[in-house]
Amino acid sequence: MPIEKFKNLKGELLSPITQAIVQHLEANGPSDAMAINQTLLRIDGYSDDAGLVALRSRLRKLCAQDQIHRAIQNGKLLYVAGPDPQAADVGTVPTALTPPPRHNVMQGHYAPSWTVARAGALDYAKHPSLHMGQRREFRSEVV
């Protein structure tokens, strides 16, 4: 049998925990994380030892798969079954991006942007430096 037959489709609910979350939301309507947690306590294999951290992670993954979406009602975060209906109303993503501006550096007069050194910036050159164990005057390698 080819490998493609064994592959699971993206967004397929295989875990009994994720199936129970979606079934609870479809049956009871919008629910918060605590109500979903109370429902999942009856499912074999569900553990709430880490508090709601693992449940919220699972809810985020279900939101990313468009199985459920989040809604805020009366200042409370609720989860609702199905994809977010407002996501389709947002609009389409632009297909073409504006290219960055291109400056023609080969045209026009070149003027270097050198800055004048502040007063006292080269005072260190007055003092002899140590080179191979001997003191010597400062020599610029540029000149």
Protein backbone atom coordinates (compact mmCIF):
# COMPACT_ATOMS: atom_id res chain seq x y z
CA MET A 1 0.00 0.00 0.00
CA PRO A 2 1.45 3.44 -0.86
CA ILE A 3 2.57 5.75 1.93
CA GLU A 4 0.08 8.42 0.86
CA LYS A 5 -2.76 6.19 2.10
CA PHE A 6 -1.39 6.29 5.65
CA LYS A 7 -0.95 10.05 5.81
CA ASN A 8 -3.42 12.02 7.93
CA LEU A 9 -5.06 15.05 6.42
CA LYS A 10 -4.30 18.44 7.96
CA GLY A 11 -6.96 19.42 10.46
CA GLU A 12 -8.19 15.86 10.95
CA LEU A 13 -9.27 15.23 14.52
CA LEU A 14 -7.59 12.01 15.62
CA SER A 15 -7.22 12.51 19.35
CA PRO A 16 -10.25 11.76 21.54
CA ILE A 17 -9.44 14.92 23.49
CA THR A 18 -9.63 17.21 20.46
CA GLN A 19 -12.76 15.38 19.28
CA ALA A 20 -14.33 15.96 22.71
CA ILE A 21 -13.43 19.68 22.61
CA VAL A 22 -15.09 20.21 19.22
CA GLN A 23 -18.13 18.08 20.17
CA HIS A 24 -18.55 20.05 23.41
CA LEU A 25 -18.43 23.37 21.57
CA GLU A 26 -20.91 22.17 18.93
CA ALA A 27 -23.33 20.88 21.57
CA ASN A 28 -23.07 23.67 24.16
CA GLY A 29 -22.13 26.72 22.10
CA PRO A 30 -19.48 29.24 23.17
CA SER A 31 -17.54 28.08 26.23
CA ASP A 32 -14.56 29.28 28.19
CA ALA A 33 -11.46 27.22 28.98
CA MET A 34 -12.68 26.23 32.44
CA ALA A 35 -15.94 24.74 31.09
CA ILE A 36 -13.99 22.83 28.43
CA ASN A 37 -11.58 21.61 31.13
CA GLN A 38 -14.48 20.28 33.24
CA THR A 39 -15.82 18.39 30.22
CA LEU A 40 -12.42 16.86 29.43
CA LEU A 41 -11.95 15.51 32.96
CA ARG A 42 -14.27 12.64 31.97
CA ILE A 43 -12.09 11.66 28.97
CA ASP A 44 -9.54 8.86 29.44
CA GLY A 45 -6.00 10.09 28.90
CA TYR A 46 -6.72 13.72 29.82
CA SER A 47 -4.67 15.11 32.67
CA ASP A 48 -4.99 18.59 34.10
CA ASP A 49 -1.75 18.38 36.08
CA ALA A 50 -0.24 21.36 34.25
CA GLY A 51 -3.34 23.45 34.84
CA LEU A 52 -4.80 25.03 31.75
CA VAL A 53 -1.45 25.45 29.96
CA ALA A 54 -1.73 22.22 27.95
CA LEU A 55 -5.42 22.85 27.23
CA ARG A 56 -4.78 26.38 25.97
CA SER A 57 -2.00 25.06 23.73
CA ARG A 58 -4.40 22.49 22.29
CA LEU A 59 -7.06 25.19 21.79
CA ARG A 60 -4.54 27.39 19.93
CA LYS A 61 -3.71 24.49 17.60
CA LEU A 62 -7.41 23.90 16.93
CA CYS A 63 -7.81 27.62 16.14
CA ALA A 64 -4.88 27.41 13.70
CA GLN A 65 -6.56 24.44 11.98
CA ASP A 66 -9.86 26.40 11.70
CA GLN A 67 -11.72 23.81 13.78
CA ILE A 68 -12.68 26.43 16.38
CA HIS A 69 -12.27 30.19 16.79
CA ARG A 70 -12.11 32.66 19.66
CA ALA A 71 -14.70 35.29 20.49
CA ILE A 72 -14.91 37.88 23.24
CA GLN A 73 -18.32 38.35 24.87
CA ASN A 74 -18.80 40.62 27.89
CA GLY A 75 -15.04 40.89 28.34
CA LYS A 76 -14.64 37.09 28.54
CA LEU A 77 -12.66 34.94 26.09
CA LEU A 78 -14.85 32.17 24.70
CA TYR A 79 -14.21 29.42 22.17
CA VAL A 80 -16.74 28.69 19.42
CA ALA A 81 -16.93 25.70 17.06
CA GLY A 82 -16.14 26.29 13.39
CA PRO A 83 -13.86 28.69 11.53
CA ASP A 84 -13.89 32.39 12.28
CA PRO A 85 -16.53 34.07 10.07
CA GLN A 86 -14.83 37.47 10.38
CA ALA A 87 -11.56 36.10 8.96
CA ALA A 88 -13.13 35.85 5.51
CA ASP A 89 -14.36 39.45 5.71
CA VAL A 90 -10.89 40.87 6.34
CA GLY A 91 -10.01 40.80 2.65
CA THR A 92 -7.50 39.20 0.41
CA VAL A 93 -3.77 39.31 0.87
CA PRO A 94 -2.03 41.40 -1.78
CA THR A 95 -0.23 39.21 -4.27
CA ALA A 96 2.38 41.71 -5.47
CA LEU A 97 4.62 43.61 -3.09
CA THR A 98 5.99 47.01 -3.90
CA PRO A 99 9.67 46.62 -4.75
CA PRO A 100 12.16 48.61 -2.68
CA PRO A 101 13.36 51.91 -4.16
CA ARG A 102 16.45 51.58 -6.31
CA HIS A 103 18.97 54.41 -6.21
CA ASN A 104 21.21 54.92 -9.21
CA VAL A 105 24.61 55.24 -7.56
CA MET A 106 26.42 55.44 -10.91
CA GLN A 107 24.92 58.78 -11.89
CA GLY A 108 25.55 62.26 -10.50
CA HIS A 109 28.44 63.89 -8.65
CA TYR A 110 30.12 61.91 -5.89
CA ALA A 111 30.73 63.84 -2.70
CA PRO A 112 32.24 61.89 0.20
CA SER A 113 30.57 62.46 3.50
CA TRP A 114 33.66 62.77 5.70
CA THR A 115 33.23 64.35 9.07
CA VAL A 116 35.79 66.61 10.68
CA ALA A 117 37.43 65.09 13.75
CA ARG A 118 36.59 66.79 17.00
CA ALA A 119 39.24 68.83 18.79
CA GLY A 120 41.63 66.61 20.72
CA ALA A 121 40.71 63.40 18.90
CA LEU A 122 44.31 62.77 17.79
CA ASP A 123 46.04 63.78 21.04
CA TYR A 124 47.09 60.18 21.63
CA ALA A 125 49.59 60.54 18.76
CA LYS A 126 51.75 62.88 20.88
CA HIS A 127 52.64 60.12 23.33
CA PRO A 128 55.18 57.45 22.45
CA SER A 129 53.78 53.96 22.03
CA LEU A 130 55.26 50.57 22.94
CA HIS A 131 56.31 48.45 19.98
CA MET A 132 58.15 45.17 20.51
CA GLY A 133 59.33 46.27 23.95
CA GLN A 134 60.61 49.68 22.84
CA ARG A 135 59.03 53.10 22.98
CA ARG A 136 58.68 54.89 19.66
CA GLU A 137 56.86 57.85 18.21
CA PHE A 138 53.45 57.43 16.63
CA ARG A 139 53.57 56.64 12.88
CA SER A 140 50.53 56.61 10.76
CA GLU A 141 50.38 53.66 8.37
CA VAL A 142 48.25 55.66 5.95
CA VAL A 143 50.90 58.30 5.25
